[in-house]
Every structure is written in C-alpha cells, then in structure tokens.
Amino acid sequence: VYTPTEQGTVKLLYNRSVRRSDDSDLLEDSLTSHDKDDGEKADIYELRYERQQSDHLWLAASGYYTDYDLTAWSGAAQEIQDLGKTRLYGLEMEASYRSDKCWLTFSHDFSQLIDFELADDSTSIQAISAEPYGYGNDLANWSTHGTKCSIRYAWTKKWAASGSVRYLW
C-alpha cells in the first residue's frame, strides 16, 4: 500500500487461491492412478487506486490479471485431470457516497479471456470457453460486463435497510 497524498492510495495486491478435491476423491484417485491431484490454482495480480474526493465521495479504479490452472472430472478416464491453463484480465471502476445515514455505491467491471490452453492429456469435456477450439474469446456462463448499485440506509442506530441491483451483460 502506498499513499502518495492524504486523499489517494495505491494498492498492489497478489492473491493465490487453491482448490482441491474432497478427501474421498483424493483417496480414490490415489488408489487407482497413483497420481497426485494438485488441485486448481489461481494467481491474481491487482493494481488499485482509491481516492477520497471529499468528505462524502470516494472513487476507485483497478485492473487485474489472473493466471488459472484448471482441473476437472474426466468421465472417460474416471478421474480428476488437469484441464488446462487460462489467463484473463479485467478492469473495475467504483464510486461511493457515504453520509452518516446513507451509503450508496455504484460499480462497473469488465473482464476478458486472454487465452485458454487445454492440457495435452485432458480427456475432459469442458464448458468454460470455445476459445481452445479455435473460435470465440469469451468465457461461457460468465458476463463480460457487470454493473452494480447498492444502498444502505440507517433509520436509527439499530434499524437499517439495504438493497442492491446487479446487471450482468
């Protein structure tokens, strides 16, 4: 975290996320194939700038890059296999208004697949993207754009109401 001014903050973030199979699948995989399941791994790099414009208004913008090693169940091989590697990037903008009783936040994000390379030995059928087959450059079941508006209003110290709307497109 770097704060060049009292109002501005720059953040450089790194996140590693690891997901593995449950213990029964790991045991079955070990007994049948003697291969070690390393699970899925995602490395995410993000650069974010936040600025307090006034006592009530905050603005932020960020960009990120993700490197993702995927695994999936292969019905043909009857085991969990490496599916491949995918890379994507995204951008996000956010504005937030805060007063004593009300918080209002608006954000918009954009994400895009860079590439998706299937593992050479993968026999899994995947529904992540058509990109490895030579057409399309989007992720399936994933919106390229997302817009969100949320509000929280405190009626008293003990009573508050909140709501949000998200539009994926």
C-alpha atoms as a PDB file:
ATOM      1  CA  VAL A   1       0.000   0.000   0.000  1.00  0.00           C
ATOM      2  CA  TYR A   2       1.363   3.398  -0.984  1.00  0.00           C
ATOM      3  CA  THR A   3      -0.279   6.704  -0.054  1.00  0.00           C
ATOM      4  CA  PRO A   4       1.248   9.487  -2.176  1.00  0.00           C
ATOM      5  CA  THR A   5      -1.290  12.024  -0.816  1.00  0.00           C
ATOM      6  CA  GLU A   6      -3.753  12.186   2.057  1.00  0.00           C
ATOM      7  CA  GLN A   7      -6.599  11.560  -0.403  1.00  0.00           C
ATOM      8  CA  GLY A   8      -5.008   8.947  -2.669  1.00  0.00           C
ATOM      9  CA  THR A   9      -3.952   5.346  -2.100  1.00  0.00           C
ATOM     10  CA  VAL A  10      -2.304   2.886  -4.467  1.00  0.00           C
ATOM     11  CA  LYS A  11      -2.546  -0.816  -3.672  1.00  0.00           C
ATOM     12  CA  LEU A  12      -0.665  -3.660  -5.298  1.00  0.00           C
ATOM     13  CA  LEU A  13      -2.288  -6.972  -4.397  1.00  0.00           C
ATOM     14  CA  TYR A  14      -1.362 -10.590  -5.006  1.00  0.00           C
ATOM     15  CA  ASN A  15      -3.690 -13.473  -4.204  1.00  0.00           C
ATOM     16  CA  ARG A  16      -3.197 -17.197  -4.648  1.00  0.00           C
ATOM     17  CA  SER A  17      -6.297 -19.320  -4.451  1.00  0.00           C
ATOM     18  CA  VAL A  18      -6.069 -23.113  -4.289  1.00  0.00           C
ATOM     19  CA  ARG A  19      -8.990 -25.508  -4.505  1.00  0.00           C
ATOM     20  CA  ARG A  20      -8.590 -29.245  -4.131  1.00  0.00           C
ATOM     21  CA  SER A  21     -10.876 -32.254  -4.288  1.00  0.00           C
ATOM     22  CA  ASP A  22     -12.514 -33.683  -1.215  1.00  0.00           C
ATOM     23  CA  ASP A  23     -10.712 -36.414   0.725  1.00  0.00           C
ATOM     24  CA  SER A  24     -12.719 -39.351  -0.647  1.00  0.00           C
ATOM     25  CA  ASP A  25     -11.980 -38.339  -4.254  1.00  0.00           C
ATOM     26  CA  LEU A  26      -8.294 -37.825  -3.426  1.00  0.00           C
ATOM     27  CA  LEU A  27      -8.096 -41.294  -1.857  1.00  0.00           C
ATOM     28  CA  GLU A  28      -9.878 -42.927  -4.805  1.00  0.00           C
ATOM     29  CA  ASP A  29      -7.610 -41.122  -7.248  1.00  0.00           C
ATOM     30  CA  SER A  30      -4.513 -42.177  -5.313  1.00  0.00           C
ATOM     31  CA  LEU A  31      -5.615 -45.841  -5.136  1.00  0.00           C
ATOM     32  CA  THR A  32      -6.465 -46.123  -8.827  1.00  0.00           C
ATOM     33  CA  SER A  33      -3.944 -43.984 -10.685  1.00  0.00           C
ATOM     34  CA  HIS A  34      -1.137 -43.255  -8.207  1.00  0.00           C
ATOM     35  CA  ASP A  35      -1.160 -39.675  -9.477  1.00  0.00           C
ATOM     36  CA  LYS A  36      -1.192 -36.768  -7.107  1.00  0.00           C
ATOM     37  CA  ASP A  37      -4.036 -34.289  -7.582  1.00  0.00           C
ATOM     38  CA  ASP A  38      -2.537 -30.832  -7.151  1.00  0.00           C
ATOM     39  CA  GLY A  39      -5.936 -29.171  -7.447  1.00  0.00           C
ATOM     40  CA  GLU A  40      -6.740 -25.895  -9.091  1.00  0.00           C
ATOM     41  CA  LYS A  41      -4.559 -22.850  -8.603  1.00  0.00           C
ATOM     42  CA  ALA A  42      -5.314 -19.225  -9.458  1.00  0.00           C
ATOM     43  CA  ASP A  43      -2.751 -16.436  -9.179  1.00  0.00           C
ATOM     44  CA  ILE A  44      -4.325 -12.979  -9.249  1.00  0.00           C
ATOM     45  CA  TYR A  45      -2.401  -9.713  -9.550  1.00  0.00           C
ATOM     46  CA  GLU A  46      -4.270  -6.455  -8.992  1.00  0.00           C
ATOM     47  CA  LEU A  47      -3.355  -2.774  -9.074  1.00  0.00           C
ATOM     48  CA  ARG A  48      -5.931  -0.478  -7.411  1.00  0.00           C
ATOM     49  CA  TYR A  49      -6.107   3.279  -6.970  1.00  0.00           C
ATOM     50  CA  GLU A  50      -8.519   4.805  -4.440  1.00  0.00           C
ATOM     51  CA  ARG A  51      -9.171   8.495  -3.896  1.00  0.00           C
ATOM     52  CA  GLN A  52     -11.274  10.343  -1.341  1.00  0.00           C
ATOM     53  CA  GLN A  53     -12.652  13.234  -3.389  1.00  0.00           C
ATOM     54  CA  SER A  54     -14.489  14.873  -0.474  1.00  0.00           C
ATOM     55  CA  ASP A  55     -15.823  14.038   2.965  1.00  0.00           C
ATOM     56  CA  HIS A  56     -18.601  12.008   1.320  1.00  0.00           C
ATOM     57  CA  LEU A  57     -17.313  10.843  -2.082  1.00  0.00           C
ATOM     58  CA  TRP A  58     -14.781   8.057  -2.783  1.00  0.00           C
ATOM     59  CA  LEU A  59     -13.619   6.908  -6.237  1.00  0.00           C
ATOM     60  CA  ALA A  60     -11.606   3.840  -7.172  1.00  0.00           C
ATOM     61  CA  ALA A  61     -10.263   2.095 -10.256  1.00  0.00           C
ATOM     62  CA  SER A  62      -8.444  -1.201 -10.578  1.00  0.00           C
ATOM     63  CA  GLY A  63      -7.022  -3.573 -13.114  1.00  0.00           C
ATOM     64  CA  TYR A  64      -6.230  -7.243 -12.607  1.00  0.00           C
ATOM     65  CA  TYR A  65      -4.632 -10.219 -14.323  1.00  0.00           C
ATOM     66  CA  THR A  66      -5.427 -13.853 -13.490  1.00  0.00           C
ATOM     67  CA  ASP A  67      -3.426 -16.980 -14.316  1.00  0.00           C
ATOM     68  CA  TYR A  68      -5.599 -20.035 -13.630  1.00  0.00           C
ATOM     69  CA  ASP A  69      -4.650 -23.754 -13.698  1.00  0.00           C
ATOM     70  CA  LEU A  70      -7.881 -25.727 -14.064  1.00  0.00           C
ATOM     71  CA  THR A  71      -8.793 -29.310 -13.184  1.00  0.00           C
ATOM     72  CA  ALA A  72     -11.974 -31.236 -13.951  1.00  0.00           C
ATOM     73  CA  TRP A  73     -13.542 -34.647 -13.603  1.00  0.00           C
ATOM     74  CA  SER A  74     -12.991 -36.774 -16.680  1.00  0.00           C
ATOM     75  CA  GLY A  75     -15.776 -39.256 -17.287  1.00  0.00           C
ATOM     76  CA  ALA A  76     -13.681 -41.045 -19.903  1.00  0.00           C
ATOM     77  CA  ALA A  77     -10.703 -41.522 -17.580  1.00  0.00           C
ATOM     78  CA  GLN A  78     -12.831 -41.743 -14.416  1.00  0.00           C
ATOM     79  CA  GLU A  79     -10.515 -39.384 -12.543  1.00  0.00           C
ATOM     80  CA  ILE A  80      -9.760 -35.754 -11.911  1.00  0.00           C
ATOM     81  CA  GLN A  81      -7.358 -34.444 -14.539  1.00  0.00           C
ATOM     82  CA  ASP A  82      -5.591 -31.231 -15.393  1.00  0.00           C
ATOM     83  CA  LEU A  83      -7.909 -29.433 -17.769  1.00  0.00           C
ATOM     84  CA  GLY A  84      -5.609 -26.644 -18.868  1.00  0.00           C
ATOM     85  CA  LYS A  85      -4.483 -23.101 -18.239  1.00  0.00           C
ATOM     86  CA  THR A  86      -6.418 -19.926 -18.756  1.00  0.00           C
ATOM     87  CA  ARG A  87      -5.468 -16.298 -18.459  1.00  0.00           C
ATOM     88  CA  LEU A  88      -7.774 -13.313 -18.222  1.00  0.00           C
ATOM     89  CA  TYR A  89      -7.722  -9.644 -17.330  1.00  0.00           C
ATOM     90  CA  GLY A  90     -10.250  -7.183 -16.005  1.00  0.00           C
ATOM     91  CA  LEU A  91     -10.919  -3.562 -15.127  1.00  0.00           C
ATOM     92  CA  GLU A  92     -13.231  -2.092 -12.487  1.00  0.00           C
ATOM     93  CA  MET A  93     -14.445   1.401 -11.594  1.00  0.00           C
ATOM     94  CA  GLU A  94     -16.264   2.296  -8.387  1.00  0.00           C
ATOM     95  CA  ALA A  95     -17.878   5.384  -6.875  1.00  0.00           C
ATOM     96  CA  SER A  96     -19.184   5.532  -3.325  1.00  0.00           C
ATOM     97  CA  TYR A  97     -21.132   8.207  -1.478  1.00  0.00           C
ATOM     98  CA  ARG A  98     -21.226   7.956   2.316  1.00  0.00           C
ATOM     99  CA  SER A  99     -23.025  10.082   4.860  1.00  0.00           C
ATOM    100  CA  ASP A 100     -23.997   9.434   8.470  1.00  0.00           C
ATOM    101  CA  LYS A 101     -27.150   7.563   7.461  1.00  0.00           C
ATOM    102  CA  CYS A 102     -26.676   6.528   3.833  1.00  0.00           C
ATOM    103  CA  TRP A 103     -24.108   4.587   1.822  1.00  0.00           C
ATOM    104  CA  LEU A 104     -24.579   4.445  -1.946  1.00  0.00           C
ATOM    105  CA  THR A 105     -22.118   2.535  -4.156  1.00  0.00           C
ATOM    106  CA  PHE A 106     -22.023   2.171  -7.928  1.00  0.00           C
ATOM    107  CA  SER A 107     -19.510  -0.047  -9.727  1.00  0.00           C
ATOM    108  CA  HIS A 108     -18.852  -1.406 -13.179  1.00  0.00           C
ATOM    109  CA  ASP A 109     -16.430  -4.175 -14.134  1.00  0.00           C
ATOM    110  CA  PHE A 110     -15.182  -5.651 -17.389  1.00  0.00           C
ATOM    111  CA  SER A 111     -13.334  -8.959 -17.774  1.00  0.00           C
ATOM    112  CA  GLN A 112     -11.896 -10.642 -20.858  1.00  0.00           C
ATOM    113  CA  LEU A 113     -10.347 -14.014 -21.600  1.00  0.00           C
ATOM    114  CA  ILE A 114      -6.813 -13.739 -22.980  1.00  0.00           C
ATOM    115  CA  ASP A 115      -6.336 -17.406 -23.841  1.00  0.00           C
ATOM    116  CA  PHE A 116      -7.262 -20.910 -22.764  1.00  0.00           C
ATOM    117  CA  GLU A 117      -4.887 -23.784 -23.478  1.00  0.00           C
ATOM    118  CA  LEU A 118      -6.167 -27.307 -22.886  1.00  0.00           C
ATOM    119  CA  ALA A 119      -3.795 -29.810 -21.291  1.00  0.00           C
ATOM    120  CA  ASP A 120      -2.354 -32.287 -23.788  1.00  0.00           C
ATOM    121  CA  ASP A 121      -3.598 -35.316 -21.860  1.00  0.00           C
ATOM    122  CA  SER A 122      -7.032 -33.903 -20.987  1.00  0.00           C
ATOM    123  CA  THR A 123      -9.953 -36.124 -21.969  1.00  0.00           C
ATOM    124  CA  SER A 124     -12.441 -33.935 -20.116  1.00  0.00           C
ATOM    125  CA  ILE A 125     -15.232 -32.202 -21.925  1.00  0.00           C
ATOM    126  CA  GLN A 126     -15.246 -28.591 -20.777  1.00  0.00           C
ATOM    127  CA  ALA A 127     -17.821 -25.809 -20.896  1.00  0.00           C
ATOM    128  CA  ILE A 128     -15.545 -22.950 -19.880  1.00  0.00           C
ATOM    129  CA  SER A 129     -14.853 -21.458 -23.307  1.00  0.00           C
ATOM    130  CA  ALA A 130     -14.873 -22.308 -27.011  1.00  0.00           C
ATOM    131  CA  GLU A 131     -11.559 -20.457 -27.427  1.00  0.00           C
ATOM    132  CA  PRO A 132      -9.315 -23.579 -27.321  1.00  0.00           C
ATOM    133  CA  TYR A 133     -11.258 -24.988 -30.280  1.00  0.00           C
ATOM    134  CA  GLY A 134     -10.412 -22.012 -32.461  1.00  0.00           C
ATOM    135  CA  TYR A 135     -13.402 -19.692 -32.157  1.00  0.00           C
ATOM    136  CA  GLY A 136     -14.663 -17.186 -29.628  1.00  0.00           C
ATOM    137  CA  ASN A 137     -12.688 -15.381 -26.964  1.00  0.00           C
ATOM    138  CA  ASP A 138     -15.178 -15.243 -24.104  1.00  0.00           C
ATOM    139  CA  LEU A 139     -15.844 -17.366 -21.060  1.00  0.00           C
ATOM    140  CA  ALA A 140     -19.057 -19.388 -21.142  1.00  0.00           C
ATOM    141  CA  ASN A 141     -21.561 -18.626 -18.365  1.00  0.00           C
ATOM    142  CA  TRP A 142     -19.594 -15.516 -17.400  1.00  0.00           C
ATOM    143  CA  SER A 143     -20.707 -11.995 -18.223  1.00  0.00           C
ATOM    144  CA  THR A 144     -18.090  -9.741 -19.776  1.00  0.00           C
ATOM    145  CA  HIS A 145     -19.626  -6.673 -18.107  1.00  0.00           C
ATOM    146  CA  GLY A 146     -21.189  -6.293 -14.675  1.00  0.00           C
ATOM    147  CA  THR A 147     -22.844  -3.223 -13.202  1.00  0.00           C
ATOM    148  CA  LYS A 148     -23.870  -2.994  -9.550  1.00  0.00           C
ATOM    149  CA  CYS A 149     -25.646  -0.423  -7.441  1.00  0.00           C
ATOM    150  CA  SER A 150     -26.111  -0.904  -3.705  1.00  0.00           C
ATOM    151  CA  ILE A 151     -27.563   1.235  -0.966  1.00  0.00           C
ATOM    152  CA  ARG A 152     -27.702   1.101   2.807  1.00  0.00           C
ATOM    153  CA  TYR A 153     -29.758   3.488   4.870  1.00  0.00           C
ATOM    154  CA  ALA A 154     -29.660   3.607   8.683  1.00  0.00           C
ATOM    155  CA  TRP A 155     -33.053   4.650  10.062  1.00  0.00           C
ATOM    156  CA  THR A 156     -31.745   4.550  13.643  1.00  0.00           C
ATOM    157  CA  LYS A 157     -28.682   3.080  15.353  1.00  0.00           C
ATOM    158  CA  LYS A 158     -30.433  -0.301  15.482  1.00  0.00           C
ATOM    159  CA  TRP A 159     -32.535  -0.288  12.298  1.00  0.00           C
ATOM    160  CA  ALA A 160     -31.155  -0.187   8.764  1.00  0.00           C
ATOM    161  CA  ALA A 161     -32.309  -1.206   5.307  1.00  0.00           C
ATOM    162  CA  SER A 162     -30.128  -2.256   2.410  1.00  0.00           C
ATOM    163  CA  GLY A 163     -30.520  -3.474  -1.131  1.00  0.00           C
ATOM    164  CA  SER A 164     -28.615  -3.957  -4.322  1.00  0.00           C
ATOM    165  CA  VAL A 165     -29.169  -4.452  -8.027  1.00  0.00           C
ATOM    166  CA  ARG A 166     -26.697  -6.218 -10.267  1.00  0.00           C
ATOM    167  CA  TYR A 167     -26.916  -6.338 -14.034  1.00  0.00           C
ATOM    168  CA  LEU A 168     -24.685  -8.860 -15.840  1.00  0.00           C
ATOM    169  CA  TRP A 169     -24.287  -8.262 -19.540  1.00  0.00           C
END
